[in-house]
Protein backbone atom coordinates (compact mmCIF):
# COMPACT_ATOMS: atom_id res chain seq x y z
CA UNK A 1 0.00 0.00 0.00
CA UNK A 2 1.44 3.36 -1.07
CA UNK A 3 0.40 6.70 0.38
CA UNK A 4 0.62 10.18 -1.09
CA UNK A 5 -0.55 13.53 0.31
CA UNK A 6 -3.23 15.21 -1.80
CA UNK A 7 -2.39 18.88 -2.26
CA UNK A 8 -5.69 20.44 -3.26
CA UNK A 9 -7.31 19.84 0.16
CA UNK A 10 -6.89 17.83 3.33
CA UNK A 11 -6.90 14.29 1.97
CA UNK A 12 -4.87 11.12 1.90
CA UNK A 13 -4.44 9.08 -1.27
CA UNK A 14 -4.02 5.37 -0.63
CA UNK A 15 -2.99 2.79 -3.21
CA UNK A 16 -4.43 -0.57 -2.22
CA UNK A 17 -3.78 -3.60 -4.43
CA UNK A 18 -3.42 -1.30 -7.41
CA UNK A 19 -6.59 0.71 -6.68
CA UNK A 20 -6.49 4.32 -5.52
CA UNK A 21 -8.71 5.38 -2.63
CA UNK A 22 -8.90 9.00 -1.58
CA UNK A 23 -9.55 9.51 2.13
CA UNK A 24 -11.03 12.96 2.65
CA UNK A 25 -10.51 14.82 5.94
CA UNK A 26 -8.21 12.06 7.25
CA UNK A 27 -7.58 13.88 10.55
CA UNK A 28 -11.26 14.31 11.39
CA UNK A 29 -11.97 12.84 14.84
CA UNK A 30 -14.51 10.02 14.76
CA UNK A 31 -13.97 9.03 18.40
CA UNK A 32 -12.97 11.65 20.98
CA UNK A 33 -14.10 10.49 24.44
CA UNK A 34 -12.38 7.40 25.82
CA UNK A 35 -10.13 7.06 22.78
CA UNK A 36 -8.96 9.48 20.09
CA UNK A 37 -9.43 8.02 16.62
CA UNK A 38 -9.49 9.81 13.27
CA UNK A 39 -11.12 8.72 10.05
CA UNK A 40 -7.73 7.62 8.73
CA UNK A 41 -7.19 5.54 11.90
CA UNK A 42 -10.44 3.69 11.13
CA UNK A 43 -9.42 3.11 7.50
CA UNK A 44 -6.11 1.68 8.70
CA UNK A 45 -7.93 -0.51 11.23
CA UNK A 46 -10.13 -2.04 8.54
CA UNK A 47 -7.18 -2.62 6.22
CA UNK A 48 -5.33 -4.42 9.03
CA UNK A 49 -8.18 -6.95 9.47
CA UNK A 50 -9.47 -6.82 5.88
CA UNK A 51 -9.47 -10.61 5.26
CA UNK A 52 -11.72 -11.14 8.29
CA UNK A 53 -14.04 -8.22 7.57
CA UNK A 54 -14.38 -9.29 3.93
CA UNK A 55 -15.29 -12.84 5.00
CA UNK A 56 -18.45 -11.33 6.48
CA UNK A 57 -19.44 -9.06 3.58
CA UNK A 58 -17.89 -10.45 0.38
CA UNK A 59 -20.38 -11.07 -2.44
CA UNK A 60 -23.22 -9.63 -0.33
CA UNK A 61 -25.19 -6.43 -0.92
CA UNK A 62 -24.49 -3.99 1.88
CA UNK A 63 -26.47 -1.17 3.48
CA UNK A 64 -24.39 1.94 4.13
CA UNK A 65 -24.82 3.16 7.71
CA UNK A 66 -23.02 6.48 7.54
CA UNK A 67 -21.62 8.39 10.51
CA UNK A 68 -20.55 11.42 8.49
CA UNK A 69 -20.00 13.54 11.61
CA UNK A 70 -18.24 10.86 13.61
CA UNK A 71 -19.28 8.02 15.88
CA UNK A 72 -20.66 10.40 18.51
CA UNK A 73 -23.17 12.00 16.12
CA UNK A 74 -26.34 10.70 14.51
CA UNK A 75 -26.01 8.18 11.68
CA UNK A 76 -28.26 7.61 8.70
CA UNK A 77 -28.91 4.59 6.48
CA UNK A 78 -28.29 4.71 2.74
CA UNK A 79 -29.46 1.75 0.70
CA UNK A 80 -28.75 3.10 -2.76
CA UNK A 81 -25.18 2.96 -4.02
CA UNK A 82 -23.55 6.35 -4.69
CA UNK A 83 -23.52 7.22 -8.37
CA UNK A 84 -19.86 8.30 -8.31
CA UNK A 85 -18.54 4.95 -7.07
CA UNK A 86 -15.21 3.60 -8.37
CA UNK A 87 -14.90 0.80 -10.91
CA UNK A 88 -13.61 -1.70 -8.32
CA UNK A 89 -17.06 -1.76 -6.68
CA UNK A 90 -20.12 -3.46 -8.15
CA UNK A 91 -23.84 -3.37 -7.39
CA UNK A 92 -26.92 -5.61 -7.37
CA UNK A 93 -30.59 -4.62 -7.41
CA UNK A 94 -32.61 -5.63 -4.34
CA UNK A 95 -36.37 -5.56 -3.89
CA UNK A 96 -37.88 -4.73 -0.50
CA UNK A 97 -41.13 -5.59 1.33
CA UNK A 98 -42.44 -2.13 0.39
CA UNK A 99 -42.23 -3.07 -3.29
CA UNK A 100 -39.40 -0.64 -3.96
CA UNK A 101 -36.02 -1.56 -5.34
CA UNK A 102 -32.52 -0.21 -4.82
CA UNK A 103 -29.11 -0.74 -6.34
CA UNK A 104 -26.85 -1.65 -3.42
CA UNK A 105 -23.08 -1.91 -3.22
CA UNK A 106 -21.19 -5.20 -3.08
CA UNK A 107 -17.73 -4.94 -1.48
CA UNK A 108 -15.30 -7.70 -2.47
CA UNK A 109 -11.85 -6.21 -1.86
CA UNK A 110 -9.81 -4.14 0.61
CA UNK A 111 -9.98 -1.04 -1.60
CA UNK A 112 -13.77 -1.17 -1.56
CA UNK A 113 -13.68 -1.59 2.22
CA UNK A 114 -11.54 1.54 2.60
CA UNK A 115 -13.78 3.44 0.18
CA UNK A 116 -16.98 2.88 2.20
CA UNK A 117 -15.20 3.67 5.49
CA UNK A 118 -14.27 7.01 3.91
CA UNK A 119 -18.04 7.59 3.50
CA UNK A 120 -18.39 7.28 7.27
CA UNK A 121 -19.39 3.61 7.39
CA UNK A 122 -17.77 2.55 10.63
CA UNK A 123 -20.20 -0.40 10.85
CA UNK A 124 -20.69 -3.00 8.11
CA UNK A 125 -24.29 -4.07 7.42
CA UNK A 126 -24.47 -6.87 4.82
CA UNK A 127 -27.63 -8.73 3.82
CA UNK A 128 -27.64 -12.51 4.52
CA UNK A 129 -27.71 -13.37 0.79
CA UNK A 130 -25.18 -13.72 -2.00
CA UNK A 131 -25.29 -11.58 -5.12
CA UNK A 132 -26.23 -14.50 -7.40
CA UNK A 133 -29.32 -15.47 -5.36
CA UNK A 134 -30.99 -12.55 -3.60
CA UNK A 135 -34.10 -14.49 -2.52
CA UNK A 136 -32.53 -17.34 -0.54
CA UNK A 137 -30.36 -16.49 2.49
CA UNK A 138 -27.28 -18.57 3.20
CA UNK A 139 -27.10 -17.42 6.81
CA UNK A 140 -29.42 -17.60 9.81
CA UNK A 141 -28.55 -14.97 12.39
CA UNK A 142 -29.16 -15.43 16.13
CA UNK A 143 -29.07 -12.03 17.84
CA UNK A 144 -28.84 -12.20 21.64
CA UNK A 145 -30.03 -8.83 22.92
CA UNK A 146 -30.07 -8.43 26.72
CA UNK A 147 -32.53 -5.99 28.24
CA UNK A 148 -30.98 -3.22 30.39
CA UNK A 149 -29.45 -4.53 33.59
CA UNK A 150 -28.93 -8.12 32.46
CA UNK A 151 -25.33 -9.18 33.18
CA UNK A 152 -22.92 -10.37 30.49
CA UNK A 153 -22.71 -13.74 32.25
CA UNK A 154 -26.38 -14.38 31.37
CA UNK A 155 -25.69 -13.58 27.71
CA UNK A 156 -22.93 -16.19 27.68
CA UNK A 157 -25.18 -18.79 29.33
CA UNK A 158 -27.85 -18.27 26.70
CA UNK A 159 -25.20 -18.45 23.96
CA UNK A 160 -24.11 -21.87 25.24
CA UNK A 161 -27.74 -22.98 25.29
CA UNK A 162 -28.04 -21.94 21.64
CA UNK A 163 -24.88 -23.91 20.86
CA UNK A 164 -26.28 -26.98 22.63
CA UNK A 165 -29.54 -26.81 20.67
CA UNK A 166 -27.71 -26.33 17.37
CA UNK A 167 -25.47 -29.31 18.10
CA UNK A 168 -28.53 -31.45 18.81
CA UNK A 169 -29.94 -30.40 15.42
CA UNK A 170 -26.75 -31.02 13.49
CA UNK A 171 -26.00 -27.34 12.91
CA UNK A 172 -22.89 -25.32 13.68
CA UNK A 173 -23.00 -21.85 15.18
CA UNK A 174 -20.24 -19.27 14.93
CA UNK A 175 -20.22 -16.85 17.89
CA UNK A 176 -19.06 -13.25 17.98
CA UNK A 177 -19.54 -10.35 20.32
CA UNK A 178 -22.06 -7.85 19.01
CA UNK A 179 -19.70 -5.01 19.85
CA UNK A 180 -22.24 -3.69 22.32
CA UNK A 181 -23.94 -5.63 25.16
CA UNK A 182 -24.98 -8.76 23.31
CA UNK A 183 -23.73 -11.59 21.16
CA UNK A 184 -24.37 -12.84 17.63
CA UNK A 185 -24.32 -16.48 16.56
CA UNK A 186 -24.30 -16.95 12.79
CA UNK A 187 -25.26 -20.24 11.15
CA UNK A 188 -24.25 -20.97 7.59
CA UNK A 189 -27.07 -22.73 5.71
CA UNK A 190 -27.66 -24.00 2.20
CA UNK A 191 -29.47 -21.29 0.16
CA UNK A 192 -32.62 -23.33 -0.36
CA UNK A 193 -35.12 -21.51 1.81
CA UNK A 194 -36.89 -18.17 1.43
CA UNK A 195 -36.57 -15.29 3.88
CA UNK A 196 -39.96 -16.21 5.34
CA UNK A 197 -38.85 -19.80 5.94
CA UNK A 198 -35.53 -18.73 7.48
CA UNK A 199 -37.35 -16.35 9.82
CA UNK A 200 -39.78 -19.15 10.73
CA UNK A 201 -36.80 -21.36 11.63
CA UNK A 202 -35.25 -18.53 13.68
CA UNK A 203 -38.51 -18.05 15.59
CA UNK A 204 -38.64 -21.79 16.35
CA UNK A 205 -35.05 -21.63 17.60
CA UNK A 206 -35.83 -18.64 19.82
CA UNK A 207 -38.84 -20.37 21.36
CA UNK A 208 -36.93 -23.63 21.86
CA UNK A 209 -34.13 -21.84 23.71
CA UNK A 210 -36.70 -19.98 25.82
CA UNK A 211 -38.25 -23.32 26.82
CA UNK A 212 -34.83 -24.63 27.82
CA UNK A 213 -33.88 -21.63 29.98
CA UNK A 214 -37.14 -19.75 30.65
CA UNK A 215 -35.69 -17.57 33.39
CA UNK A 216 -32.80 -16.39 31.22
CA UNK A 217 -34.13 -16.17 27.66
CA UNK A 218 -37.14 -14.59 25.97
CA UNK A 219 -38.62 -14.83 22.48
CA UNK A 220 -41.26 -12.14 23.08
CA UNK A 221 -41.25 -9.36 20.49
CA UNK A 222 -42.84 -6.62 22.62
CA UNK A 223 -40.33 -5.10 25.00
CA UNK A 224 -42.86 -4.81 27.78
CA UNK A 225 -43.16 -8.63 27.79
CA UNK A 226 -39.45 -9.44 27.63
CA UNK A 227 -37.06 -10.46 30.35
CA UNK A 228 -33.44 -11.55 30.39
CA UNK A 229 -31.87 -12.07 26.96
CA UNK A 230 -34.10 -11.54 23.94
CA UNK A 231 -33.47 -13.76 20.90
CA UNK A 232 -34.38 -11.41 18.08
CA UNK A 233 -35.79 -13.73 15.41
CA UNK A 234 -36.87 -10.74 13.28
CA UNK A 235 -33.26 -10.03 12.36
CA UNK A 236 -33.89 -12.75 9.76
CA UNK A 237 -36.74 -10.92 8.06
CA UNK A 238 -36.01 -9.60 4.60
CA UNK A 239 -34.35 -6.16 4.55
CA UNK A 240 -32.97 -6.51 8.09
CA UNK A 241 -29.22 -6.34 8.69
CA UNK A 242 -26.89 -6.59 11.67
CA UNK A 243 -23.32 -5.41 12.22
CA UNK A 244 -21.03 -8.04 10.71
CA UNK A 245 -17.70 -9.41 11.90
CA UNK A 246 -15.03 -6.85 12.80
CA UNK A 247 -17.47 -3.93 12.61
CA UNK A 248 -16.55 -0.97 14.78
CA UNK A 249 -19.46 0.08 16.98
CA UNK A 250 -20.23 3.70 17.96
CA UNK A 251 -19.36 3.29 21.64
CA UNK A 252 -16.90 5.58 23.46
CA UNK A 253 -14.21 2.86 23.60
CA UNK A 254 -14.48 2.03 19.84
CA UNK A 255 -15.55 -1.52 20.57
CA UNK A 256 -15.49 -4.15 17.82
CA UNK A 257 -17.88 -6.99 16.97
CA UNK A 258 -15.32 -9.76 17.30
CA UNK A 259 -15.48 -13.40 16.09
CA UNK A 260 -14.71 -15.96 18.80
CA UNK A 261 -13.91 -19.63 19.19
CA UNK A 262 -16.48 -21.36 21.39
CA UNK A 263 -13.83 -22.10 24.03
CA UNK A 264 -13.31 -18.33 24.39
CA UNK A 265 -16.95 -17.51 25.13
CA UNK A 266 -16.93 -18.57 28.80
CA UNK A 267 -14.26 -16.05 29.82
CA UNK A 268 -14.45 -13.33 27.17
CA UNK A 269 -15.03 -9.67 27.98
CA UNK A 270 -16.58 -7.65 25.12
CA UNK A 271 -14.80 -4.52 26.35
CA UNK A 272 -11.46 -6.18 25.60
CA UNK A 273 -12.10 -6.08 21.85
CA UNK A 274 -11.52 -2.60 20.44
CA UNK A 275 -9.99 -0.90 17.42
CA UNK A 276 -6.73 -0.79 19.36
CA UNK A 277 -6.62 -4.47 20.40
CA UNK A 278 -8.32 -6.47 17.63
CA UNK A 279 -5.61 -5.95 14.96
CA UNK A 280 -3.04 -7.50 17.32
CA UNK A 281 -5.39 -10.40 18.07
CA UNK A 282 -6.03 -10.90 14.35
CA UNK A 283 -2.31 -10.98 13.55
CA UNK A 284 -1.76 -13.58 16.27
CA UNK A 285 -4.69 -16.02 15.83
CA UNK A 286 -6.24 -15.06 12.51
CA UNK A 287 -10.00 -15.18 11.94
CA UNK A 288 -11.87 -17.77 14.08
CA UNK A 289 -14.62 -17.83 11.45
CA UNK A 290 -12.39 -18.39 8.43
CA UNK A 291 -13.93 -21.84 7.72
CA UNK A 292 -17.58 -20.85 8.11
CA UNK A 293 -18.44 -21.25 4.43
CA UNK A 294 -17.25 -24.86 4.53
CA UNK A 295 -19.96 -25.89 7.01
CA UNK A 296 -23.43 -25.14 5.60
CA UNK A 297 -26.34 -26.92 7.21
CA UNK A 298 -30.02 -27.65 6.71
CA UNK A 299 -33.00 -25.88 8.28
CA UNK A 300 -35.24 -28.95 8.22
CA UNK A 301 -34.84 -29.79 11.95
CA UNK A 302 -35.76 -26.23 12.95
CA UNK A 303 -38.69 -26.17 10.54
CA UNK A 304 -39.92 -29.41 12.12
CA UNK A 305 -39.86 -27.69 15.52
CA UNK A 306 -41.79 -24.80 13.97
CA UNK A 307 -44.42 -27.23 12.66
CA UNK A 308 -44.73 -28.82 16.11
CA UNK A 309 -45.20 -25.39 17.69
CA UNK A 310 -47.89 -24.50 15.17
CA UNK A 311 -49.70 -27.82 15.70
CA UNK A 312 -50.09 -26.93 19.38
CA UNK A 313 -51.58 -23.53 18.54
CA UNK A 314 -48.39 -21.49 18.83
CA UNK A 315 -48.67 -19.40 15.68
CA UNK A 316 -46.52 -16.75 14.09
CA UNK A 317 -45.09 -13.92 16.16
CA UNK A 318 -45.16 -10.20 15.29
CA UNK A 319 -43.13 -8.99 12.33
CA UNK A 320 -41.30 -5.65 12.16
CA UNK A 321 -43.74 -2.74 11.76
CA UNK A 322 -42.96 -1.90 8.13
CA UNK A 323 -43.93 -5.39 6.91
CA UNK A 324 -47.40 -6.18 5.63
CA UNK A 325 -49.63 -8.25 7.91
CA UNK A 326 -48.61 -11.87 7.45
CA UNK A 327 -50.86 -14.93 7.37
CA UNK A 328 -51.15 -16.50 10.81
CA UNK A 329 -49.51 -13.53 12.53
CA UNK A 330 -50.84 -12.51 15.92
CA UNK A 331 -52.26 -8.96 16.20
CA UNK A 332 -49.39 -6.54 15.63
CA UNK A 333 -50.11 -4.34 18.61
CA UNK A 334 -48.32 -4.09 21.93
CA UNK A 335 -50.21 -5.80 24.78
CA UNK A 336 -50.45 -2.48 26.62
CA UNK A 337 -52.42 -1.06 23.68
CA UNK A 338 -54.44 -4.11 22.71
CA UNK A 339 -58.22 -4.13 22.81
CA UNK A 340 -59.99 -7.03 24.43
CA UNK A 341 -61.25 -9.22 21.62
CA UNK A 342 -62.72 -12.62 20.92
CA UNK A 343 -62.62 -14.82 17.87
CA UNK A 344 -66.19 -13.84 17.04
CA UNK A 345 -65.20 -10.18 16.67
CA UNK A 346 -62.72 -10.87 13.90
CA UNK A 347 -63.56 -9.60 10.45
CA UNK A 348 -62.84 -12.94 8.81
CA UNK A 349 -65.17 -14.77 11.22
CA UNK A 350 -68.00 -12.34 10.57
CA UNK A 351 -67.40 -12.67 6.85
CA UNK A 352 -67.71 -16.45 7.09
CA UNK A 353 -70.93 -16.30 9.14
CA UNK A 354 -72.52 -13.30 7.53
CA UNK A 355 -72.57 -9.83 9.04
CA UNK A 356 -75.25 -9.51 11.74
CA UNK A 357 -75.07 -13.17 12.80
CA UNK A 358 -73.47 -12.31 16.12
CA UNK A 359 -76.16 -9.73 16.96
CA UNK A 360 -78.88 -12.21 15.94
CA UNK A 361 -77.54 -14.89 18.31
CA UNK A 362 -77.40 -12.46 21.23
CA UNK A 363 -80.94 -11.25 20.51
CA UNK A 364 -82.30 -14.81 20.27
CA UNK A 365 -80.60 -15.90 23.47
CA UNK A 366 -82.05 -12.97 25.41
CA UNK A 367 -85.58 -13.68 24.18
CA UNK A 368 -85.23 -17.38 25.07
CA UNK A 369 -84.21 -16.38 28.58
CA UNK A 370 -87.42 -14.43 28.99
CA UNK A 371 -86.45 -10.82 28.37
CA UNK A 372 -88.76 -10.05 25.45
CA UNK A 373 -88.19 -6.32 25.73
CA UNK A 374 -85.12 -6.78 23.64
CA UNK A 375 -87.40 -7.25 20.63
CA UNK A 376 -88.77 -3.77 21.02
CA UNK A 377 -87.11 -1.10 18.89
CA UNK A 378 -85.08 1.44 20.86
CA UNK A 379 -86.77 4.70 21.71
CA UNK A 380 -85.56 7.85 20.02
CA UNK A 381 -84.57 9.39 23.34
CA UNK A 382 -82.75 6.30 24.59
CA UNK A 383 -79.38 7.10 26.10
CA UNK A 384 -76.52 6.10 23.82
CA UNK A 385 -74.49 3.14 24.88
CA UNK A 386 -71.09 4.06 26.25
CA UNK A 387 -68.25 3.40 23.86
CA UNK A 388 -65.93 0.59 24.76
CA UNK A 389 -62.58 1.96 25.74
CA UNK A 390 -59.19 0.41 25.09
CA UNK A 391 -57.99 -1.59 28.06
CA UNK A 392 -54.26 -1.62 28.69
CA UNK A 393 -52.65 -4.76 30.02
CA UNK A 394 -49.46 -2.87 30.85
CA UNK A 395 -49.39 0.65 32.39
CA UNK A 396 -46.76 2.25 30.15
CA UNK A 397 -45.83 5.91 29.99
CA UNK A 398 -43.40 7.56 27.59
CA UNK A 399 -40.59 9.48 29.26
CA UNK A 400 -38.41 10.73 26.39
CA UNK A 401 -38.13 10.86 22.59
CA UNK A 402 -34.91 12.02 20.97
CA UNK A 403 -32.51 11.35 18.08
CA UNK A 404 -29.79 11.78 20.74
CA UNK A 405 -29.75 8.74 23.03
CA UNK A 406 -27.78 10.57 25.70
CA UNK A 407 -30.36 13.37 25.76
CA UNK A 408 -33.12 10.78 26.19
CA UNK A 409 -31.25 9.11 29.08
CA UNK A 410 -30.79 12.49 30.74
CA UNK A 411 -34.54 13.02 30.43
CA UNK A 412 -35.08 9.69 32.20
CA UNK A 413 -32.83 10.82 35.06
CA UNK A 414 -34.82 14.07 35.40
CA UNK A 415 -38.05 12.02 35.58
CA UNK A 416 -36.53 9.78 38.28
CA UNK A 417 -35.58 12.90 40.24
CA UNK A 418 -39.19 14.12 40.12
CA UNK A 419 -40.54 10.73 41.20
CA UNK A 420 -37.85 9.18 43.45
CA UNK A 421 -40.20 6.81 45.31
CA UNK A 422 -41.57 5.43 42.06
CA UNK A 423 -38.08 5.07 40.60
CA UNK A 424 -36.97 3.05 43.63
CA UNK A 425 -39.68 0.46 43.00
CA UNK A 426 -38.99 -0.09 39.31
CA UNK A 427 -37.51 -3.43 38.26
CA UNK A 428 -34.68 -3.59 35.73
CA UNK A 429 -37.01 -4.60 32.93
CA UNK A 430 -39.54 -1.86 33.74
CA UNK A 431 -37.40 0.69 31.89
CA UNK A 432 -37.77 0.18 28.14
CA UNK A 433 -35.14 1.86 25.99
CA UNK A 434 -36.24 1.47 22.38
CA UNK A 435 -34.04 2.14 19.38
CA UNK A 436 -36.65 3.30 16.88
CA UNK A 437 -35.96 3.15 13.17
CA UNK A 438 -37.09 6.20 11.22
CA UNK A 439 -37.13 6.63 7.46
CA UNK A 440 -33.34 6.96 7.22
CA UNK A 441 -32.01 7.11 10.78
CA UNK A 442 -32.64 5.83 14.28
CA UNK A 443 -33.89 7.62 17.39
CA UNK A 444 -34.43 6.70 21.04
CA UNK A 445 -37.71 6.31 22.89
CA UNK A 446 -37.74 5.63 26.63
CA UNK A 447 -40.81 4.24 28.35
CA UNK A 448 -41.50 3.11 31.90
CA UNK A 449 -43.74 0.22 32.91
CA UNK A 450 -45.57 1.09 36.14
CA UNK A 451 -46.85 -2.44 36.77
CA UNK A 452 -45.08 -2.60 40.16
CA UNK A 453 -46.50 0.74 41.34
CA UNK A 454 -49.85 0.96 43.11
CA UNK A 455 -52.41 2.50 40.76
CA UNK A 456 -53.07 5.50 43.02
CA UNK A 457 -49.35 6.31 43.12
CA UNK A 458 -48.60 6.05 39.41
CA UNK A 459 -47.35 9.27 37.81
CA UNK A 460 -49.47 10.52 34.91
CA UNK A 461 -48.39 10.59 31.29
CA UNK A 462 -46.66 13.91 30.86
CA UNK A 463 -45.14 15.54 27.83
CA UNK A 464 -41.95 13.56 27.21
CA UNK A 465 -38.72 15.35 28.07
CA UNK A 466 -37.21 15.74 25.53
CA UNK A 467 -40.02 15.26 23.02
CA UNK A 468 -38.26 15.18 19.68
CA UNK A 469 -39.73 12.32 17.65
CA UNK A 470 -38.29 12.81 14.14
CA UNK A 471 -41.03 10.68 12.58
CA UNK A 472 -43.95 12.65 14.04
CA UNK A 473 -44.26 15.09 11.14
CA UNK A 474 -44.12 12.28 8.57
CA UNK A 475 -46.68 10.19 10.48
CA UNK A 476 -49.02 13.18 10.75
CA UNK A 477 -48.79 13.84 7.02
CA UNK A 478 -49.28 10.14 6.28
CA UNK A 479 -52.38 9.94 8.51
CA UNK A 480 -53.83 13.09 6.94
CA UNK A 481 -53.28 11.71 3.45
CA UNK A 482 -54.88 8.43 4.47
CA UNK A 483 -57.99 10.18 5.84
CA UNK A 484 -58.25 12.34 2.72
CA UNK A 485 -58.02 9.29 0.48
CA UNK A 486 -60.69 7.51 2.54
CA UNK A 487 -63.07 10.46 2.26
CA UNK A 488 -62.46 10.71 -1.47
CA UNK A 489 -63.16 7.01 -1.92
CA UNK A 490 -66.40 7.24 0.01
CA UNK A 491 -67.79 10.26 -1.82
């Protein structure tokens, strides 16, 4: 690799395997708190572990998660490949659940890796498919996501339980730290199954692990129902990505999502793997996942477990919010917001019976029991029946909304200061910190579950502090357009 100083502006010109990559603003700080790292430092990091990083993204379309103002500022997602890309990068066209398509980058070489890091991509987010077959994943991803307060030791215990289950099913898992608080276990599979089938297998795996260690693991999608370590099966839905091997995460210590051997899991500390330490580790032991492609497996055992679950009445679980309602999916509404319902109230049931059948049965039953007054038409001045109100199963209040996670956490601390007695009675899993995905970026919502607080002592829902939901304007416009379209259709 040769390096020349670019004269026209602050830039660094790198020659990597015969390809030139221009690093703009090389001295710009991307990390400035616990460690001091510039953009050029990050480029050099990725080049030092390029064989390992490329093992995780080669021949896969990749979403660009760009931290253009450094790791301590807000990032945004870019699916479409830049038009001014160099010739050593290629693209493929992906279709999404929304029906839209996008030409996404495929990074196959160190020069391409350096080029996207120069765009601010400190994390790597590949899709679980290869460029020659975009409809059949070759990887099932197990994402172990502990709720706040769950110790790292519990994450490791759940990881070993996943390994045990996979071994029983004839599959091989490849563990790595997530680079944050959790762990990822990737499973190479033959590309025979659709995204829907792979997600179905992942859901069956999550539920099976929960049955094995019910006090440690959870497969529940809604955060208010979770405990311990959540196995996020929806990371296998189409259009979802996770940080791949050797990705740098936007934490103050520049932590890295690091591949491990299974014998390392019991004693590993995720904080030990950073931009400063991983290159040394890589030079000494190489990539623990170097042979992953040589061990593809079959999903049939997991799909058999899924069929057994379904035969006992355990149907599909909620999908991510931007997906269309799927066949067999439970109502996609948080339990705290769900209305009480019965099978008879469903639209499909009424359609099968004929609209009005339910009212007719109630009327007939009342008459048979001797109350004939029901057959009389209501009087004009009869009092209207009270509307049924939504009954919450979980008393949730929203504390903060902000694109800045730190600002949201500071808002939570201010709320705790106002309500110290309530705060003292909250359990670890009563504080729900949600990373919300907007149209092109993420933001933080913090809610509190008051289930352990006596009803008379529960604080009211106040205006969140801060209250900066970046999707509110878009949702308002969308709702207005939807109402307008409905009125137009009915006129």
